[in-house]
Amino acid sequence: MPVCPVRRDHKVLHGYKRSYLLAGPRLGTAPVLWMIHGIGDSSQAWNAVLPLLADRYTVVAPDLLGHGESDKPRADYSVGGFANGMRDLMVVLGVERATIIGHSLGGGVAQQFAYQYPERVERLVLVATGGLGAEVNPVFRLASVPGAGHAIALSSQALVRRPVLAGSRLLAKVGVLDRWDVEEVAHIWNGLRDRATRTAFLRTLRAVVDYRGQAVSSRDRMYLATAIPTLMVWGARDPVLPVEHARAVCDELPGVGLHVVARAGHMPHLSSPAGFAEAVTTFVASTKPASHDPDLWRTLMTGVDDEQLRQVTLG
């Protein structure tokens, strides 16, 4: 298979640079996959799967505001703010609709985007997504408390970071940790040495997590996913967000699909890029793009019983 070139570009929106990766056929000539990375990460998190998807789809992978090569201003880092930013970038790129793929925090942004702009969403692919339960790795809970920024700044220095990563890589080598989790943490942790990046990270984290766990949840609105084809992809050994979150949603909404990657951690798209690309390709090929129906949404929001919900899901 020929390697599809991936290029980086940017747009200035509301005075701030929004960087993104673009791959595949020219915009407007193929279905669009819109891929949103997780907290502290960047569009480069999708590097392994971009070439595998770009042979048949136009793929857009933005850097969220405060992340990657996008600007890092003192701004709104809520999931709603991120969703607005995605909509604005879609508008200037001329993308009317897309299959929205989000990892971790990006999954929460994808869900919020679908809630705010359902007419722009063809499908959802939620990868180890946030926003489905309070449980989250204690490290994130600790990082959300006042004063944690100083500890993060200290920990990101080489004297602390290098021995911790060396020990983590050893644990990955013997199978205790997923090496892709370790390497992504290394990448994110290294970036936190930069003050602007660290500040944006903390603002983003504290918008969704507090000392008790995830403070933002879409579970009360997840029933609206019955109107949008949805696939969840999760690592069986995810140490950040438990796969039980996905299973609970699938039990409530049988129409939501679940693809669990054996032995993978929080980065199933890196642990098994070919398997991830195949799962996404199969899902897109086997489902029809959602067509936003305001009357259906009104019916769902008004309240339906279990049998009515089952008929909507299967219909």
Foldseek 3Di string as FASTA:
>chain_A
DDFWDKDKDWDQDPNWIKIKIKTADQPPPAAEEEEEEAFLAALCLLVLQCRVQRPGHIYIYIGFALHDPIDQDPDQQALLVSLVVVVVVCVVSVQQAHAYEYAACGLVSVVSNCVVPVQRYFAYEYELYPALDFDFFQVLQVCQDPPNLVVLLVCLDCVNVVVVLVVVVVCCVVLNAPVVVSVRCNVSSNVCNDPSSVVSSNSNSNNAAYNRGGPHHCNVVCLVCLQHAAEYEYECAANTHHPVSVVVSCVLQVLYHYHYDYSDYSSPCVVCVNVVSVVVVVSVVVDGTGRDDPVVVVVVVVPDDSVVSVVSNVD
